[in-house]
Every structure is written in structure tokens, then in C-alpha cells.
C-alpha atoms as a PDB file:
ATOM      1  CA  MET A   1       7.830 -18.635   0.144  1.00  0.00           C
ATOM      2  CA  LYS A   2       9.114 -16.631  -3.128  1.00  0.00           C
ATOM      3  CA  VAL A   3      12.424 -17.628  -4.559  1.00  0.00           C
ATOM      4  CA  PHE A   4      14.235 -15.092  -6.671  1.00  0.00           C
ATOM      5  CA  ILE A   5      16.570 -16.423  -9.579  1.00  0.00           C
ATOM      6  CA  ASN A   6      17.762 -13.821 -11.035  1.00  0.00           C
ATOM      7  CA  GLN A   7      20.881 -11.498 -11.641  1.00  0.00           C
ATOM      8  CA  ALA A   8      19.311  -8.353 -10.201  1.00  0.00           C
ATOM      9  CA  ILE A   9      16.790  -8.024  -7.182  1.00  0.00           C
ATOM     10  CA  GLY A  10      15.512  -4.680  -6.649  1.00  0.00           C
ATOM     11  CA  ILE A  11      13.832  -2.716  -3.711  1.00  0.00           C
ATOM     12  CA  ASP A  12      11.352   0.322  -3.882  1.00  0.00           C
ATOM     13  CA  GLN A  13       9.479   1.828  -1.153  1.00  0.00           C
ATOM     14  CA  GLY A  14       7.516   4.795  -0.058  1.00  0.00           C
ATOM     15  CA  ASP A  15       5.417   6.598   2.825  1.00  0.00           C
ATOM     16  CA  ASP A  16       2.253   7.727   1.520  1.00  0.00           C
ATOM     17  CA  VAL A  17      -0.861   9.363   3.339  1.00  0.00           C
ATOM     18  CA  LEU A  18      -3.848   7.902   2.380  1.00  0.00           C
ATOM     19  CA  PHE A  19      -6.187  10.310   3.692  1.00  0.00           C
ATOM     20  CA  SER A  20      -6.542  12.875   5.962  1.00  0.00           C
ATOM     21  CA  ASP A  21     -10.684  12.996   6.926  1.00  0.00           C
ATOM     22  CA  TYR A  22     -10.910  14.833   9.905  1.00  0.00           C
ATOM     23  CA  GLU A  23      -9.518  18.271   7.875  1.00  0.00           C
ATOM     24  CA  ASP A  24     -12.784  18.104   5.401  1.00  0.00           C
ATOM     25  CA  GLY A  25     -15.117  16.019   7.146  1.00  0.00           C
ATOM     26  CA  GLY A  26     -14.580  12.646   5.195  1.00  0.00           C
ATOM     27  CA  THR A  27     -16.400   9.197   5.552  1.00  0.00           C
ATOM     28  CA  MET A  28     -13.729   7.711   7.529  1.00  0.00           C
ATOM     29  CA  TRP A  29     -13.913  10.358  10.057  1.00  0.00           C
ATOM     30  CA  THR A  30     -17.428  11.153  10.068  1.00  0.00           C
ATOM     31  CA  GLY A  31     -19.013   7.831   8.525  1.00  0.00           C
ATOM     32  CA  HIS A  32     -20.326   4.297  10.199  1.00  0.00           C
ATOM     33  CA  GLY A  33     -20.540   0.934   9.139  1.00  0.00           C
ATOM     34  CA  GLU A  34     -17.749  -0.973   6.494  1.00  0.00           C
ATOM     35  CA  ARG A  35     -15.912   1.536   4.533  1.00  0.00           C
ATOM     36  CA  ASP A  36     -12.628   1.476   2.170  1.00  0.00           C
ATOM     37  CA  ARG A  37     -10.176   3.179   0.826  1.00  0.00           C
ATOM     38  CA  ARG A  38      -7.952   2.773  -2.096  1.00  0.00           C
ATOM     39  CA  THR A  39      -4.888   4.095  -3.283  1.00  0.00           C
ATOM     40  CA  LYS A  40      -2.580   3.094  -6.477  1.00  0.00           C
ATOM     41  CA  VAL A  41       0.903   3.147  -5.883  1.00  0.00           C
ATOM     42  CA  VAL A  42       3.125   3.235  -8.937  1.00  0.00           C
ATOM     43  CA  PHE A  43       6.718   1.703  -8.938  1.00  0.00           C
ATOM     44  CA  LYS A  44       9.481   4.062  -9.929  1.00  0.00           C
ATOM     45  CA  THR A  45      10.697   1.308 -12.304  1.00  0.00           C
ATOM     46  CA  PRO A  46       8.747  -1.963 -13.390  1.00  0.00           C
ATOM     47  CA  PHE A  47       9.768  -5.403 -12.007  1.00  0.00           C
ATOM     48  CA  LYS A  48      10.363  -8.508 -13.979  1.00  0.00           C
ATOM     49  CA  SER A  49       7.722 -10.564 -12.083  1.00  0.00           C
ATOM     50  CA  GLU A  50       5.152  -9.488  -9.403  1.00  0.00           C
ATOM     51  CA  PRO A  51       7.225  -8.113  -6.090  1.00  0.00           C
ATOM     52  CA  VAL A  52       6.714  -8.962  -2.838  1.00  0.00           C
ATOM     53  CA  VAL A  53       4.785  -6.015  -0.954  1.00  0.00           C
ATOM     54  CA  HIS A  54       5.042  -5.569   2.803  1.00  0.00           C
ATOM     55  CA  LEU A  55       2.791  -2.676   4.145  1.00  0.00           C
ATOM     56  CA  ALA A  56       3.060  -1.163   7.888  1.00  0.00           C
ATOM     57  CA  MET A  57       0.487   1.952   9.107  1.00  0.00           C
ATOM     58  CA  SER A  58       3.490   4.775   9.669  1.00  0.00           C
ATOM     59  CA  LEU A  59       0.737   6.981  10.805  1.00  0.00           C
ATOM     60  CA  TRP A  60      -2.847   6.480  12.108  1.00  0.00           C
ATOM     61  CA  ASP A  61      -4.622   9.195  14.178  1.00  0.00           C
ATOM     62  CA  MET A  62      -8.267   7.572  16.004  1.00  0.00           C
ATOM     63  CA  ASP A  63     -10.987   9.326  17.718  1.00  0.00           C
ATOM     64  CA  SER A  64     -10.099   7.718  21.446  1.00  0.00           C
ATOM     65  CA  ALA A  65     -14.181   7.498  21.874  1.00  0.00           C
ATOM     66  CA  THR A  66     -14.599   4.339  19.661  1.00  0.00           C
ATOM     67  CA  ASN A  67     -12.671   0.957  19.475  1.00  0.00           C
ATOM     68  CA  ALA A  68      -9.329   1.503  17.000  1.00  0.00           C
ATOM     69  CA  ARG A  69     -10.369  -1.257  14.303  1.00  0.00           C
ATOM     70  CA  ALA A  70      -8.254  -0.840  11.028  1.00  0.00           C
ATOM     71  CA  ASP A  71      -7.050  -3.482   7.947  1.00  0.00           C
ATOM     72  CA  VAL A  72      -4.479  -2.204   5.411  1.00  0.00           C
ATOM     73  CA  THR A  73      -3.685  -4.519   2.673  1.00  0.00           C
ATOM     74  CA  ALA A  74      -1.951  -4.587  -0.869  1.00  0.00           C
ATOM     75  CA  GLU A  75      -4.054  -5.807  -3.584  1.00  0.00           C
ATOM     76  CA  LYS A  76      -3.829  -6.211  -7.407  1.00  0.00           C
ATOM     77  CA  ILE A  77       0.084  -6.405  -7.234  1.00  0.00           C
ATOM     78  CA  THR A  78       1.437  -6.241 -10.805  1.00  0.00           C
ATOM     79  CA  ARG A  79       4.782  -5.427 -12.047  1.00  0.00           C
ATOM     80  CA  THR A  80       4.066  -1.748 -12.068  1.00  0.00           C
ATOM     81  CA  GLY A  81       2.168  -1.411  -8.837  1.00  0.00           C
ATOM     82  CA  PHE A  82      -0.376  -2.113  -6.468  1.00  0.00           C
ATOM     83  CA  ASP A  83      -3.566  -0.961  -4.220  1.00  0.00           C
ATOM     84  CA  VAL A  84      -3.039  -0.145  -0.783  1.00  0.00           C
ATOM     85  CA  VAL A  85      -6.641  -0.757   0.659  1.00  0.00           C
ATOM     86  CA  PHE A  86      -7.466   0.417   4.238  1.00  0.00           C
ATOM     87  CA  ARG A  87     -10.418  -0.642   5.749  1.00  0.00           C
ATOM     88  CA  THR A  88     -12.524  -0.027   9.182  1.00  0.00           C
ATOM     89  CA  TRP A  89     -16.100  -0.704  10.309  1.00  0.00           C
ATOM     90  CA  ALA A  90     -18.433  -0.117  13.084  1.00  0.00           C
ATOM     91  CA  ASP A  91     -18.653   3.320  15.064  1.00  0.00           C
ATOM     92  CA  THR A  92     -14.113   3.785  14.011  1.00  0.00           C
ATOM     93  CA  ARG A  93     -13.602   7.040  13.644  1.00  0.00           C
ATOM     94  CA  VAL A  94     -10.311   7.684  11.495  1.00  0.00           C
ATOM     95  CA  ALA A  95      -8.558  10.815  11.293  1.00  0.00           C
ATOM     96  CA  ARG A  96      -6.025  10.040   8.957  1.00  0.00           C
ATOM     97  CA  VAL A  97      -3.488   7.150   7.856  1.00  0.00           C
ATOM     98  CA  ARG A  98      -0.150   6.978   6.531  1.00  0.00           C
ATOM     99  CA  VAL A  99       1.167   3.780   5.268  1.00  0.00           C
ATOM    100  CA  ARG A 100       4.936   2.882   4.354  1.00  0.00           C
ATOM    101  CA  TRP A 101       5.482   0.014   1.766  1.00  0.00           C
ATOM    102  CA  MET A 102       8.390  -1.876   0.417  1.00  0.00           C
ATOM    103  CA  ALA A 103       8.332  -3.717  -2.661  1.00  0.00           C
ATOM    104  CA  ILE A 104      10.861  -6.386  -3.622  1.00  0.00           C
ATOM    105  CA  GLY A 105      11.545  -8.534  -6.685  1.00  0.00           C
ATOM    106  CA  GLU A 106      13.085  -9.124  -9.794  1.00  0.00           C
ATOM    107  CA  LEU A 107      14.385  -6.304 -11.767  1.00  0.00           C
ATOM    108  CA  PHE A 108      15.674  -6.802 -15.735  1.00  0.00           C
ATOM    109  CA  HIS A 109      18.880  -7.248 -16.637  1.00  0.00           C
ATOM    110  CA  GLU A 110      20.786  -5.759 -19.698  1.00  0.00           C
ATOM    111  CA  ASP A 111      22.070  -9.540 -19.852  1.00  0.00           C
ATOM    112  CA  ASP A 112      18.476 -10.736 -20.563  1.00  0.00           C
ATOM    113  CA  TRP A 113      17.723 -12.018 -23.733  1.00  0.00           C
ATOM    114  CA  GLN A 114      14.962  -9.492 -24.737  1.00  0.00           C
ATOM    115  CA  ASP A 115      14.495  -6.192 -25.201  1.00  0.00           C
ATOM    116  CA  VAL A 116      13.290  -4.094 -21.851  1.00  0.00           C
ATOM    117  CA  TYR A 117      14.638  -1.555 -21.622  1.00  0.00           C
END
């Protein structure tokens, strides 16, 4: 559990298309075996410390002829952003994926004893 002891708590959020490989024959649609796609997200305003990040797939378009295998993870979380990583494996064919995310954490406040602006 992360405890926030701060005067200012912020929430940043987004809904980003990670890829659309069906349109151009990309590896998520045509490939086999382990595959991943990494996308950098930059927060609108830096947090005071590393925030908590929640991810959920808001769109996944998979081929119905194979098993749907998907793993979505937030990695390299910093005060300024994080990486969304989507992974699949075996014969799964993924046409497109969109991920909704939310980051919650401490923000700098004007009463902080340092120049942060």
C-alpha cells in the first residue's frame, strides 16, 4: 500500500491506442511467438514522487481463430511518465489495442520548501 502524506494529490489519465497492426500487417497481427509493444506515456505535470499507475485495456481486437493471450503492464514508472507494455505469445493474432490508464500521486504544492515550478 502506498500512503500519501501531502497537501496536493493529483490524478492524470489517458486512453491511448498502442497499435493497429491489422491495417499494415504488423507483427502483432502476422507474427508468432513472444511479441511485445512498448509505448511511452508522459504526464501532463510531473508528480512529486512516483505515482501509482493503473492500466486497463479499453479496446482489444483479436482474431477469433486463435486463443486470446494478452498481458498489459506499466513499467519504468517515474515522476514524469511510464511505459505501457503489451505482450502476447504463441499463435495469438492481435489486430489493435487501446489502453486506458490512470496515475495517482503526490503533487508539488506552493507551500513546499523548494523551488519546484
